[in-house]
PDB file of N, CA and C in Angstrom:
ATOM      1  N   MET A   1     -19.627 -22.447  17.019  1.00  0.00           N
ATOM      2  CA  MET A   1     -19.315 -22.552  15.617  1.00  0.00           C
ATOM      3  C   MET A   1     -18.308 -24.162  15.501  1.00  0.00           C
ATOM      4  N   ASP A   2     -18.861 -24.974  14.883  1.00  0.00           N
ATOM      5  CA  ASP A   2     -18.049 -26.125  14.793  1.00  0.00           C
ATOM      6  C   ASP A   2     -17.300 -25.985  13.756  1.00  0.00           C
ATOM      7  N   CYS A   3     -16.125 -25.826  13.763  1.00  0.00           N
ATOM      8  CA  CYS A   3     -15.204 -25.602  12.480  1.00  0.00           C
ATOM      9  C   CYS A   3     -13.679 -25.580  12.956  1.00  0.00           C
ATOM     10  N   PHE A   4     -12.971 -25.640  11.867  1.00  0.00           N
ATOM     11  CA  PHE A   4     -11.585 -25.811  12.528  1.00  0.00           C
ATOM     12  C   PHE A   4     -10.854 -25.379  11.292  1.00  0.00           C
ATOM     13  N   TYR A   5      -9.450 -24.628  11.440  1.00  0.00           N
ATOM     14  CA  TYR A   5      -8.596 -24.294  10.405  1.00  0.00           C
ATOM     15  C   TYR A   5      -7.204 -25.253  10.646  1.00  0.00           C
ATOM     16  N   PHE A   6      -6.836 -25.469   9.468  1.00  0.00           N
ATOM     17  CA  PHE A   6      -5.489 -26.247   9.450  1.00  0.00           C
ATOM     18  C   PHE A   6      -4.679 -25.353   8.501  1.00  0.00           C
ATOM     19  N   VAL A   7      -3.311 -24.998   9.028  1.00  0.00           N
ATOM     20  CA  VAL A   7      -2.326 -24.403   8.418  1.00  0.00           C
ATOM     21  C   VAL A   7      -1.314 -25.314   7.942  1.00  0.00           C
ATOM     22  N   VAL A   8      -0.676 -25.301   6.573  1.00  0.00           N
ATOM     23  CA  VAL A   8       0.593 -26.177   6.424  1.00  0.00           C
ATOM     24  C   VAL A   8       1.580 -24.961   5.955  1.00  0.00           C
ATOM     25  N   THR A   9       2.856 -24.922   6.406  1.00  0.00           N
ATOM     26  CA  THR A   9       3.668 -24.117   5.688  1.00  0.00           C
ATOM     27  C   THR A   9       5.083 -25.060   5.487  1.00  0.00           C
ATOM     28  N   ASP A  10       5.505 -24.662   4.049  1.00  0.00           N
ATOM     29  CA  ASP A  10       6.900 -25.472   3.674  1.00  0.00           C
ATOM     30  C   ASP A  10       7.757 -24.275   3.422  1.00  0.00           C
ATOM     31  N   THR A  11       8.869 -25.015   4.258  1.00  0.00           N
ATOM     32  CA  THR A  11      10.136 -24.105   4.275  1.00  0.00           C
ATOM     33  C   THR A  11      11.049 -24.627   3.060  1.00  0.00           C
ATOM     34  N   GLN A  12      11.293 -23.489   1.938  1.00  0.00           N
ATOM     35  CA  GLN A  12      12.503 -24.041   1.109  1.00  0.00           C
ATOM     36  C   GLN A  12      13.402 -24.951   1.571  1.00  0.00           C
ATOM     37  N   ASN A  13      14.022 -25.670   0.546  1.00  0.00           N
ATOM     38  CA  ASN A  13      14.761 -26.865   0.454  1.00  0.00           C
ATOM     39  C   ASN A  13      16.304 -26.046  -0.093  1.00  0.00           C
ATOM     40  N   VAL A  14      16.706 -25.233   0.735  1.00  0.00           N
ATOM     41  CA  VAL A  14      18.060 -24.645   0.119  1.00  0.00           C
ATOM     42  C   VAL A  14      18.498 -24.184   1.623  1.00  0.00           C
ATOM     43  N   GLU A  15      20.081 -24.033   1.360  1.00  0.00           N
ATOM     44  CA  GLU A  15      20.851 -23.694   2.793  1.00  0.00           C
ATOM     45  C   GLU A  15      20.136 -22.321   3.018  1.00  0.00           C
ATOM     46  N   GLY A  16      20.221 -22.703   4.552  1.00  0.00           N
ATOM     47  CA  GLY A  16      19.826 -21.384   5.399  1.00  0.00           C
ATOM     48  C   GLY A  16      18.562 -21.167   5.386  1.00  0.00           C
ATOM     49  N   ALA A  17      17.491 -22.064   5.058  1.00  0.00           N
ATOM     50  CA  ALA A  17      16.177 -21.660   5.073  1.00  0.00           C
ATOM     51  C   ALA A  17      15.413 -21.816   6.498  1.00  0.00           C
ATOM     52  N   SER A  18      16.133 -22.946   7.131  1.00  0.00           N
ATOM     53  CA  SER A  18      15.467 -23.183   8.535  1.00  0.00           C
ATOM     54  C   SER A  18      15.606 -21.879   9.598  1.00  0.00           C
ATOM     55  N   THR A  19      14.489 -22.196  10.322  1.00  0.00           N
ATOM     56  CA  THR A  19      14.705 -21.351  11.676  1.00  0.00           C
ATOM     57  C   THR A  19      14.049 -21.512  12.769  1.00  0.00           C
ATOM     58  N   ASP A  20      14.652 -21.411  14.010  1.00  0.00           N
ATOM     59  CA  ASP A  20      14.259 -21.627  15.423  1.00  0.00           C
ATOM     60  C   ASP A  20      13.399 -20.571  15.802  1.00  0.00           C
ATOM     61  N   ASP A  21      13.282 -19.512  15.214  1.00  0.00           N
ATOM     62  CA  ASP A  21      12.581 -18.396  15.557  1.00  0.00           C
ATOM     63  C   ASP A  21      11.209 -18.481  16.024  1.00  0.00           C
ATOM     64  N   ASP A  22      10.375 -17.474  16.679  1.00  0.00           N
ATOM     65  CA  ASP A  22       8.756 -17.786  16.867  1.00  0.00           C
ATOM     66  C   ASP A  22       8.186 -17.248  15.432  1.00  0.00           C
ATOM     67  N   ILE A  23       7.307 -18.128  14.905  1.00  0.00           N
ATOM     68  CA  ILE A  23       6.408 -17.769  13.662  1.00  0.00           C
ATOM     69  C   ILE A  23       5.003 -17.725  13.995  1.00  0.00           C
ATOM     70  N   PHE A  24       4.235 -16.638  13.575  1.00  0.00           N
ATOM     71  CA  PHE A  24       2.897 -16.359  13.961  1.00  0.00           C
ATOM     72  C   PHE A  24       1.910 -16.204  12.714  1.00  0.00           C
ATOM     73  N   ILE A  25       0.982 -16.522  12.665  1.00  0.00           N
ATOM     74  CA  ILE A  25       0.119 -16.184  11.286  1.00  0.00           C
ATOM     75  C   ILE A  25      -1.087 -15.435  11.792  1.00  0.00           C
ATOM     76  N   LEU A  26      -1.439 -14.650  11.119  1.00  0.00           N
ATOM     77  CA  LEU A  26      -2.619 -13.820  11.287  1.00  0.00           C
ATOM     78  C   LEU A  26      -3.895 -14.160   9.816  1.00  0.00           C
ATOM     79  N   LEU A  27      -4.537 -14.754  10.311  1.00  0.00           N
ATOM     80  CA  LEU A  27      -5.847 -15.412   9.300  1.00  0.00           C
ATOM     81  C   LEU A  27      -6.737 -14.246   8.847  1.00  0.00           C
ATOM     82  N   ILE A  28      -6.874 -14.094   7.526  1.00  0.00           N
ATOM     83  CA  ILE A  28      -8.277 -13.450   7.105  1.00  0.00           C
ATOM     84  C   ILE A  28      -9.160 -13.867   6.375  1.00  0.00           C
ATOM     85  N   GLY A  29     -10.233 -13.865   6.796  1.00  0.00           N
ATOM     86  CA  GLY A  29     -11.520 -14.518   6.334  1.00  0.00           C
ATOM     87  C   GLY A  29     -12.501 -13.502   5.977  1.00  0.00           C
ATOM     88  N   LYS A  30     -13.653 -14.146   5.202  1.00  0.00           N
ATOM     89  CA  LYS A  30     -14.724 -13.160   4.655  1.00  0.00           C
ATOM     90  C   LYS A  30     -15.563 -12.703   5.668  1.00  0.00           C
ATOM     91  N   LYS A  31     -15.383 -13.553   7.036  1.00  0.00           N
ATOM     92  CA  LYS A  31     -15.995 -12.744   8.449  1.00  0.00           C
ATOM     93  C   LYS A  31     -15.236 -12.329   9.238  1.00  0.00           C
ATOM     94  N   GLY A  32     -14.130 -11.824   8.902  1.00  0.00           N
ATOM     95  CA  GLY A  32     -13.378 -11.332   9.782  1.00  0.00           C
ATOM     96  C   GLY A  32     -11.945 -11.569  10.022  1.00  0.00           C
ATOM     97  N   TYR A  33     -11.118 -11.204  10.894  1.00  0.00           N
ATOM     98  CA  TYR A  33      -9.809 -12.002  10.874  1.00  0.00           C
ATOM     99  C   TYR A  33      -9.562 -12.533  12.377  1.00  0.00           C
ATOM    100  N   SER A  34      -8.339 -13.389  12.456  1.00  0.00           N
ATOM    101  CA  SER A  34      -7.899 -14.044  13.626  1.00  0.00           C
ATOM    102  C   SER A  34      -7.035 -13.002  14.361  1.00  0.00           C
ATOM    103  N   ASP A  35      -6.554 -13.206  15.779  1.00  0.00           N
ATOM    104  CA  ASP A  35      -5.728 -12.721  16.557  1.00  0.00           C
ATOM    105  C   ASP A  35      -4.230 -13.322  15.756  1.00  0.00           C
ATOM    106  N   TRP A  36      -3.217 -12.834  16.408  1.00  0.00           N
ATOM    107  CA  TRP A  36      -1.795 -13.538  16.149  1.00  0.00           C
ATOM    108  C   TRP A  36      -1.924 -14.694  16.826  1.00  0.00           C
ATOM    109  N   LEU A  37      -1.908 -15.989  15.665  1.00  0.00           N
ATOM    110  CA  LEU A  37      -1.539 -17.221  16.231  1.00  0.00           C
ATOM    111  C   LEU A  37      -0.404 -17.804  16.014  1.00  0.00           C
ATOM    112  N   GLU A  38      -0.061 -18.396  17.152  1.00  0.00           N
ATOM    113  CA  GLU A  38       1.414 -19.052  17.207  1.00  0.00           C
ATOM    114  C   GLU A  38       1.571 -20.246  16.306  1.00  0.00           C
ATOM    115  N   LEU A  39       2.619 -20.511  15.381  1.00  0.00           N
ATOM    116  CA  LEU A  39       2.656 -21.773  14.610  1.00  0.00           C
ATOM    117  C   LEU A  39       3.773 -22.403  15.318  1.00  0.00           C
ATOM    118  N   ASP A  40       3.345 -23.248  16.191  1.00  0.00           N
ATOM    119  CA  ASP A  40       4.564 -24.158  17.066  1.00  0.00           C
ATOM    120  C   ASP A  40       3.844 -25.602  17.455  1.00  0.00           C
ATOM    121  N   VAL A  41       4.429 -26.555  17.303  1.00  0.00           N
ATOM    122  CA  VAL A  41       3.817 -27.848  17.661  1.00  0.00           C
ATOM    123  C   VAL A  41       5.086 -27.980  19.026  1.00  0.00           C
ATOM    124  N   GLU A  42       4.364 -28.457  19.980  1.00  0.00           N
ATOM    125  CA  GLU A  42       5.168 -28.687  21.270  1.00  0.00           C
ATOM    126  C   GLU A  42       6.084 -29.515  21.179  1.00  0.00           C
ATOM    127  N   TYR A  43       7.577 -29.643  21.576  1.00  0.00           N
ATOM    128  CA  TYR A  43       8.441 -30.849  21.436  1.00  0.00           C
ATOM    129  C   TYR A  43       8.968 -30.965  19.667  1.00  0.00           C
ATOM    130  N   LEU A  44       8.561 -30.285  18.974  1.00  0.00           N
ATOM    131  CA  LEU A  44       8.816 -30.396  17.472  1.00  0.00           C
ATOM    132  C   LEU A  44       9.846 -29.112  16.883  1.00  0.00           C
ATOM    133  N   ASP A  45      10.777 -29.624  16.226  1.00  0.00           N
ATOM    134  CA  ASP A  45      11.539 -28.535  15.787  1.00  0.00           C
ATOM    135  C   ASP A  45      10.949 -28.212  14.477  1.00  0.00           C
ATOM    136  N   ASP A  46      10.077 -26.971  14.522  1.00  0.00           N
ATOM    137  CA  ASP A  46       9.154 -26.743  13.279  1.00  0.00           C
ATOM    138  C   ASP A  46      10.373 -25.664  12.289  1.00  0.00           C
ATOM    139  N   PHE A  47       9.800 -25.672  11.161  1.00  0.00           N
ATOM    140  CA  PHE A  47      10.578 -24.642  10.321  1.00  0.00           C
ATOM    141  C   PHE A  47      11.631 -25.139   9.577  1.00  0.00           C
ATOM    142  N   GLU A  48      12.224 -26.521   9.719  1.00  0.00           N
ATOM    143  CA  GLU A  48      13.548 -26.767   9.083  1.00  0.00           C
ATOM    144  C   GLU A  48      13.326 -26.858   7.499  1.00  0.00           C
ATOM    145  N   LYS A  49      14.844 -26.927   6.852  1.00  0.00           N
ATOM    146  CA  LYS A  49      15.020 -26.856   5.451  1.00  0.00           C
ATOM    147  C   LYS A  49      14.108 -28.018   4.888  1.00  0.00           C
ATOM    148  N   GLY A  50      13.194 -27.763   3.911  1.00  0.00           N
ATOM    149  CA  GLY A  50      12.518 -28.735   3.238  1.00  0.00           C
ATOM    150  C   GLY A  50      11.700 -29.469   3.668  1.00  0.00           C
ATOM    151  N   ASN A  51      10.922 -28.997   4.966  1.00  0.00           N
ATOM    152  CA  ASN A  51      10.148 -29.494   5.630  1.00  0.00           C
ATOM    153  C   ASN A  51       8.662 -28.906   5.533  1.00  0.00           C
ATOM    154  N   SER A  52       7.422 -29.697   5.617  1.00  0.00           N
ATOM    155  CA  SER A  52       6.031 -29.176   6.058  1.00  0.00           C
ATOM    156  C   SER A  52       5.809 -29.096   7.238  1.00  0.00           C
ATOM    157  N   ASP A  53       5.160 -28.396   7.767  1.00  0.00           N
ATOM    158  CA  ASP A  53       5.031 -28.279   9.205  1.00  0.00           C
ATOM    159  C   ASP A  53       3.189 -28.052   9.315  1.00  0.00           C
ATOM    160  N   TYR A  54       2.578 -28.630  10.132  1.00  0.00           N
ATOM    161  CA  TYR A  54       1.392 -28.694  10.271  1.00  0.00           C
ATOM    162  C   TYR A  54       0.489 -28.097  11.545  1.00  0.00           C
ATOM    163  N   PHE A  55      -0.637 -27.061  11.423  1.00  0.00           N
ATOM    164  CA  PHE A  55      -0.943 -26.422  12.635  1.00  0.00           C
ATOM    165  C   PHE A  55      -2.393 -26.641  12.519  1.00  0.00           C
ATOM    166  N   GLN A  56      -3.124 -26.983  13.794  1.00  0.00           N
ATOM    167  CA  GLN A  56      -4.604 -26.456  13.528  1.00  0.00           C
ATOM    168  C   GLN A  56      -5.088 -25.659  14.759  1.00  0.00           C
ATOM    169  N   PHE A  57      -6.045 -25.142  14.223  1.00  0.00           N
ATOM    170  CA  PHE A  57      -6.806 -24.037  15.217  1.00  0.00           C
ATOM    171  C   PHE A  57      -8.413 -24.616  15.289  1.00  0.00           C
ATOM    172  N   PHE A  58      -9.008 -24.417  16.482  1.00  0.00           N
ATOM    173  CA  PHE A  58     -10.376 -24.848  16.643  1.00  0.00           C
ATOM    174  C   PHE A  58     -11.298 -23.937  16.865  1.00  0.00           C
ATOM    175  N   ASP A  59     -12.720 -24.672  17.352  1.00  0.00           N
ATOM    176  CA  ASP A  59     -13.817 -23.467  17.486  1.00  0.00           C
ATOM    177  C   ASP A  59     -13.752 -22.106  17.925  1.00  0.00           C
ATOM    178  N   ASP A  60     -12.519 -21.745  18.525  1.00  0.00           N
ATOM    179  CA  ASP A  60     -12.616 -20.593  19.404  1.00  0.00           C
ATOM    180  C   ASP A  60     -12.404 -19.419  18.209  1.00  0.00           C
ATOM    181  N   LEU A  61     -11.897 -19.781  17.210  1.00  0.00           N
ATOM    182  CA  LEU A  61     -11.953 -19.168  16.090  1.00  0.00           C
ATOM    183  C   LEU A  61     -12.821 -19.429  14.934  1.00  0.00           C
ATOM    184  N   TYR A  62     -13.556 -18.067  14.462  1.00  0.00           N
ATOM    185  CA  TYR A  62     -14.085 -18.018  13.462  1.00  0.00           C
ATOM    186  C   TYR A  62     -14.252 -16.936  12.309  1.00  0.00           C
ATOM    187  N   ILE A  63     -13.669 -16.986  11.446  1.00  0.00           N
ATOM    188  CA  ILE A  63     -13.393 -16.008  10.678  1.00  0.00           C
ATOM    189  C   ILE A  63     -14.102 -16.300   8.963  1.00  0.00           C
ATOM    190  N   GLY A  64     -14.802 -17.312   8.795  1.00  0.00           N
ATOM    191  CA  GLY A  64     -15.310 -18.010   7.730  1.00  0.00           C
ATOM    192  C   GLY A  64     -14.321 -18.457   6.615  1.00  0.00           C
ATOM    193  N   GLU A  65     -14.561 -18.450   5.720  1.00  0.00           N
ATOM    194  CA  GLU A  65     -13.692 -19.008   4.393  1.00  0.00           C
ATOM    195  C   GLU A  65     -12.721 -18.071   4.526  1.00  0.00           C
ATOM    196  N   PRO A  66     -11.591 -18.933   4.499  1.00  0.00           N
ATOM    197  CA  PRO A  66     -10.039 -17.889   4.243  1.00  0.00           C
ATOM    198  C   PRO A  66      -9.836 -17.218   2.893  1.00  0.00           C
ATOM    199  N   ILE A  67      -9.358 -16.010   2.997  1.00  0.00           N
ATOM    200  CA  ILE A  67      -9.068 -15.484   1.769  1.00  0.00           C
ATOM    201  C   ILE A  67      -7.493 -14.693   1.790  1.00  0.00           C
ATOM    202  N   GLY A  68      -7.050 -14.704   2.885  1.00  0.00           N
ATOM    203  CA  GLY A  68      -5.588 -14.417   3.127  1.00  0.00           C
ATOM    204  C   GLY A  68      -5.025 -14.382   4.333  1.00  0.00           C
ATOM    205  N   ALA A  69      -3.776 -14.400   4.440  1.00  0.00           N
ATOM    206  CA  ALA A  69      -3.206 -14.706   5.710  1.00  0.00           C
ATOM    207  C   ALA A  69      -1.798 -13.537   5.822  1.00  0.00           C
ATOM    208  N   ALA A  70      -1.363 -13.464   6.787  1.00  0.00           N
ATOM    209  CA  ALA A  70       0.052 -12.608   7.201  1.00  0.00           C
ATOM    210  C   ALA A  70       0.856 -13.331   8.310  1.00  0.00           C
ATOM    211  N   LEU A  71       2.157 -13.260   8.070  1.00  0.00           N
ATOM    212  CA  LEU A  71       3.057 -13.958   8.752  1.00  0.00           C
ATOM    213  C   LEU A  71       4.023 -13.097   9.629  1.00  0.00           C
ATOM    214  N   CYS A  72       4.306 -13.498  10.388  1.00  0.00           N
ATOM    215  CA  CYS A  72       5.493 -12.590  11.394  1.00  0.00           C
ATOM    216  C   CYS A  72       6.027 -13.317  12.161  1.00  0.00           C
ATOM    217  N   LYS A  73       7.220 -13.216  12.223  1.00  0.00           N
ATOM    218  CA  LYS A  73       8.442 -13.682  12.688  1.00  0.00           C
ATOM    219  C   LYS A  73       9.190 -12.903  13.783  1.00  0.00           C
ATOM    220  N   TYR A  74       9.508 -13.469  14.942  1.00  0.00           N
ATOM    221  CA  TYR A  74      10.354 -12.835  15.722  1.00  0.00           C
ATOM    222  C   TYR A  74      11.536 -13.726  16.285  1.00  0.00           C
ATOM    223  N   GLY A  75      12.848 -12.924  16.340  1.00  0.00           N
ATOM    224  CA  GLY A  75      13.916 -13.672  16.505  1.00  0.00           C
ATOM    225  C   GLY A  75      15.263 -13.198  15.601  1.00  0.00           C
ATOM    226  N   GLY A  76      16.364 -13.606  15.700  1.00  0.00           N
ATOM    227  CA  GLY A  76      17.420 -13.669  14.798  1.00  0.00           C
ATOM    228  C   GLY A  76      17.845 -14.116  13.629  1.00  0.00           C
ATOM    229  N   ASN A  77      17.024 -15.177  13.366  1.00  0.00           N
ATOM    230  CA  ASN A  77      17.520 -15.933  12.089  1.00  0.00           C
ATOM    231  C   ASN A  77      16.773 -15.720  11.285  1.00  0.00           C
ATOM    232  N   ASP A  78      16.966 -15.791   9.866  1.00  0.00           N
ATOM    233  CA  ASP A  78      16.135 -15.617   8.575  1.00  0.00           C
ATOM    234  C   ASP A  78      15.320 -17.032   8.668  1.00  0.00           C
ATOM    235  N   TRP A  79      14.223 -16.813   7.817  1.00  0.00           N
ATOM    236  CA  TRP A  79      13.374 -17.845   7.318  1.00  0.00           C
ATOM    237  C   TRP A  79      13.106 -17.763   6.149  1.00  0.00           C
ATOM    238  N   LYS A  80      13.332 -19.047   5.244  1.00  0.00           N
ATOM    239  CA  LYS A  80      12.838 -18.968   3.759  1.00  0.00           C
ATOM    240  C   LYS A  80      11.837 -19.767   3.550  1.00  0.00           C
ATOM    241  N   VAL A  81      10.713 -19.438   3.393  1.00  0.00           N
ATOM    242  CA  VAL A  81       9.136 -20.015   3.604  1.00  0.00           C
ATOM    243  C   VAL A  81       8.885 -19.969   2.011  1.00  0.00           C
ATOM    244  N   GLU A  82       8.474 -21.188   1.414  1.00  0.00           N
ATOM    245  CA  GLU A  82       7.868 -21.367   0.296  1.00  0.00           C
ATOM    246  C   GLU A  82       6.554 -21.306  -0.039  1.00  0.00           C
ATOM    247  N   GLU A  83       5.409 -21.739   0.875  1.00  0.00           N
ATOM    248  CA  GLU A  83       4.358 -21.784   0.570  1.00  0.00           C
ATOM    249  C   GLU A  83       3.355 -21.875   2.090  1.00  0.00           C
ATOM    250  N   VAL A  84       2.165 -21.397   1.741  1.00  0.00           N
ATOM    251  CA  VAL A  84       1.379 -21.368   3.109  1.00  0.00           C
ATOM    252  C   VAL A  84      -0.152 -21.872   2.349  1.00  0.00           C
ATOM    253  N   ASN A  85      -0.556 -23.152   3.101  1.00  0.00           N
ATOM    254  CA  ASN A  85      -1.716 -23.426   2.681  1.00  0.00           C
ATOM    255  C   ASN A  85      -2.802 -23.597   4.064  1.00  0.00           C
ATOM    256  N   VAL A  86      -3.996 -22.878   3.598  1.00  0.00           N
ATOM    257  CA  VAL A  86      -4.644 -23.021   4.762  1.00  0.00           C
ATOM    258  C   VAL A  86      -6.226 -23.816   4.245  1.00  0.00           C
ATOM    259  N   PHE A  87      -6.507 -24.619   5.368  1.00  0.00           N
ATOM    260  CA  PHE A  87      -7.673 -25.582   5.060  1.00  0.00           C
ATOM    261  C   PHE A  87      -8.756 -24.936   6.188  1.00  0.00           C
ATOM    262  N   PHE A  88     -10.050 -24.958   5.756  1.00  0.00           N
ATOM    263  CA  PHE A  88     -11.207 -24.515   6.796  1.00  0.00           C
ATOM    264  C   PHE A  88     -12.142 -25.661   6.435  1.00  0.00           C
ATOM    265  N   GLU A  89     -12.758 -25.930   7.595  1.00  0.00           N
ATOM    266  CA  GLU A  89     -13.899 -27.026   7.562  1.00  0.00           C
ATOM    267  C   GLU A  89     -14.894 -26.507   8.524  1.00  0.00           C
ATOM    268  N   GLN A  90     -15.928 -26.419   8.054  1.00  0.00           N
ATOM    269  CA  GLN A  90     -17.169 -26.366   8.855  1.00  0.00           C
ATOM    270  C   GLN A  90     -18.328 -27.044   8.424  1.00  0.00           C
ATOM    271  N   LYS A  91     -18.949 -27.644   9.472  1.00  0.00           N
ATOM    272  CA  LYS A  91     -19.993 -28.710   9.205  1.00  0.00           C
ATOM    273  C   LYS A  91     -20.023 -29.327   8.017  1.00  0.00           C
ATOM    274  N   GLY A  92     -18.853 -30.424   7.674  1.00  0.00           N
ATOM    275  CA  GLY A  92     -18.775 -31.051   6.476  1.00  0.00           C
ATOM    276  C   GLY A  92     -18.476 -30.327   5.171  1.00  0.00           C
ATOM    277  N   LYS A  93     -18.300 -29.040   5.342  1.00  0.00           N
ATOM    278  CA  LYS A  93     -17.828 -28.055   3.960  1.00  0.00           C
ATOM    279  C   LYS A  93     -16.386 -27.985   4.136  1.00  0.00           C
ATOM    280  N   LYS A  94     -15.474 -28.336   3.065  1.00  0.00           N
ATOM    281  CA  LYS A  94     -14.158 -28.054   3.106  1.00  0.00           C
ATOM    282  C   LYS A  94     -13.731 -27.044   1.941  1.00  0.00           C
ATOM    283  N   TYR A  95     -12.798 -26.282   2.742  1.00  0.00           N
ATOM    284  CA  TYR A  95     -12.159 -25.146   1.653  1.00  0.00           C
ATOM    285  C   TYR A  95     -10.742 -24.973   1.762  1.00  0.00           C
ATOM    286  N   GLN A  96     -10.198 -24.591   0.832  1.00  0.00           N
ATOM    287  CA  GLN A  96      -8.746 -24.781   0.688  1.00  0.00           C
ATOM    288  C   GLN A  96      -8.266 -23.274   0.204  1.00  0.00           C
ATOM    289  N   ASP A  97      -7.216 -22.722   0.739  1.00  0.00           N
ATOM    290  CA  ASP A  97      -6.705 -21.595  -0.140  1.00  0.00           C
ATOM    291  C   ASP A  97      -5.073 -21.814   0.113  1.00  0.00           C
ATOM    292  N   CYS A  98      -4.436 -21.213  -1.066  1.00  0.00           N
ATOM    293  CA  CYS A  98      -2.867 -21.665  -1.020  1.00  0.00           C
ATOM    294  C   CYS A  98      -2.171 -20.256  -1.435  1.00  0.00           C
ATOM    295  N   TRP A  99      -1.200 -19.623  -0.854  1.00  0.00           N
ATOM    296  CA  TRP A  99      -0.303 -18.807  -0.832  1.00  0.00           C
ATOM    297  C   TRP A  99       1.107 -18.921  -1.224  1.00  0.00           C
ATOM    298  N   HIS A 100       1.397 -18.512  -2.348  1.00  0.00           N
ATOM    299  CA  HIS A 100       2.668 -18.796  -2.661  1.00  0.00           C
ATOM    300  C   HIS A 100       3.685 -17.595  -2.294  1.00  0.00           C
ATOM    301  N   THR A 101       4.711 -17.574  -2.009  1.00  0.00           N
ATOM    302  CA  THR A 101       5.560 -16.820  -1.908  1.00  0.00           C
ATOM    303  C   THR A 101       6.595 -16.164  -2.962  1.00  0.00           C
ATOM    304  N   ASN A 102       6.376 -17.055  -3.655  1.00  0.00           N
ATOM    305  CA  ASN A 102       7.294 -16.537  -5.207  1.00  0.00           C
ATOM    306  C   ASN A 102       8.724 -16.391  -4.932  1.00  0.00           C
ATOM    307  N   GLY A 103       9.144 -17.340  -4.069  1.00  0.00           N
ATOM    308  CA  GLY A 103      10.729 -17.123  -3.858  1.00  0.00           C
ATOM    309  C   GLY A 103      11.075 -15.950  -2.996  1.00  0.00           C
ATOM    310  N   ARG A 104      10.255 -14.963  -2.691  1.00  0.00           N
ATOM    311  CA  ARG A 104      10.691 -13.656  -2.171  1.00  0.00           C
ATOM    312  C   ARG A 104      10.441 -13.665  -0.553  1.00  0.00           C
ATOM    313  N   ALA A 105      10.263 -14.566  -0.039  1.00  0.00           N
ATOM    314  CA  ALA A 105      10.107 -14.602   1.530  1.00  0.00           C
ATOM    315  C   ALA A 105      11.146 -15.095   2.415  1.00  0.00           C
ATOM    316  N   VAL A 106      12.185 -14.214   2.323  1.00  0.00           N
ATOM    317  CA  VAL A 106      13.330 -14.446   3.203  1.00  0.00           C
ATOM    318  C   VAL A 106      12.967 -13.307   4.343  1.00  0.00           C
ATOM    319  N   ALA A 107      12.426 -13.886   5.628  1.00  0.00           N
ATOM    320  CA  ALA A 107      12.341 -13.047   6.710  1.00  0.00           C
ATOM    321  C   ALA A 107      13.220 -12.849   7.542  1.00  0.00           C
ATOM    322  N   LYS A 108      13.442 -11.385   7.861  1.00  0.00           N
ATOM    323  CA  LYS A 108      14.879 -11.454   8.650  1.00  0.00           C
ATOM    324  C   LYS A 108      14.268 -10.913  10.031  1.00  0.00           C
ATOM    325  N   LYS A 109      14.717 -10.576  11.050  1.00  0.00           N
ATOM    326  CA  LYS A 109      14.474 -10.498  12.636  1.00  0.00           C
ATOM    327  C   LYS A 109      13.277  -9.372  12.306  1.00  0.00           C
ATOM    328  N   TYR A 110      12.437  -9.791  13.399  1.00  0.00           N
ATOM    329  CA  TYR A 110      10.949  -8.795  13.553  1.00  0.00           C
ATOM    330  C   TYR A 110      10.329  -8.369  12.212  1.00  0.00           C
ATOM    331  N   ASN A 111      10.367  -9.469  11.310  1.00  0.00           N
ATOM    332  CA  ASN A 111       9.886  -9.070   9.961  1.00  0.00           C
ATOM    333  C   ASN A 111       8.463  -9.737  10.139  1.00  0.00           C
ATOM    334  N   CYS A 112       7.427  -8.667   9.316  1.00  0.00           N
ATOM    335  CA  CYS A 112       6.157  -8.864   9.047  1.00  0.00           C
ATOM    336  C   CYS A 112       5.701  -8.871   7.620  1.00  0.00           C
ATOM    337  N   TRP A 113       5.197  -9.885   7.045  1.00  0.00           N
ATOM    338  CA  TRP A 113       4.943  -9.436   5.494  1.00  0.00           C
ATOM    339  C   TRP A 113       3.570 -10.363   5.054  1.00  0.00           C
ATOM    340  N   LEU A 114       2.955  -9.798   4.179  1.00  0.00           N
ATOM    341  CA  LEU A 114       1.434 -10.350   3.898  1.00  0.00           C
ATOM    342  C   LEU A 114       1.581 -10.915   2.722  1.00  0.00           C
ATOM    343  N   ILE A 115       1.144 -12.378   2.748  1.00  0.00           N
ATOM    344  CA  ILE A 115       0.763 -13.169   1.584  1.00  0.00           C
ATOM    345  C   ILE A 115      -0.319 -13.119   0.781  1.00  0.00           C
ATOM    346  N   VAL A 116      -0.190 -12.595  -0.125  1.00  0.00           N
ATOM    347  CA  VAL A 116      -1.615 -12.004  -0.966  1.00  0.00           C
ATOM    348  C   VAL A 116      -1.760 -12.913  -2.196  1.00  0.00           C
ATOM    349  N   THR A 117      -0.903 -13.763  -2.879  1.00  0.00           N
ATOM    350  CA  THR A 117      -1.133 -14.247  -4.222  1.00  0.00           C
ATOM    351  C   THR A 117      -1.691 -15.720  -4.007  1.00  0.00           C
ATOM    352  N   ALA A 118      -3.018 -15.629  -4.208  1.00  0.00           N
ATOM    353  CA  ALA A 118      -3.818 -16.781  -4.070  1.00  0.00           C
ATOM    354  C   ALA A 118      -3.688 -17.794  -5.344  1.00  0.00           C
ATOM    355  N   ILE A 119      -3.855 -19.081  -5.120  1.00  0.00           N
ATOM    356  CA  ILE A 119      -3.752 -19.810  -6.156  1.00  0.00           C
ATOM    357  C   ILE A 119      -4.845 -20.678  -6.159  1.00  0.00           C
ATOM    358  N   TYR A 120      -5.691 -20.596  -7.440  1.00  0.00           N
ATOM    359  CA  TYR A 120      -7.006 -21.577  -7.387  1.00  0.00           C
ATOM    360  C   TYR A 120      -6.634 -22.885  -8.298  1.00  0.00           C
TER     361      TYR A 120
END
């Protein structure tokens, strides 16, 4: 399947928002869902206060147009995520979904939560 998914996370710009913990995302699409995918760029300090981080997943994943996502964090630090954007492209067709955490997402150790608020 000639497609890719592009995930953008925005960390809040407040004190204590950053984390060095491991972050994973499960993408939910119209045709299924992914495995837990690690959000990590090698040799980059991801999830810093006020930053946007970018991650790509290619052909080995096909779940159709994204309709939801779940995040999971492993480690001892908090993480305050503001927003998650998921972009999907297949054969020139582009889709985008955005989920806001409404300021609630202060992830604690071994915490998973579902992002359900879609913005159109």
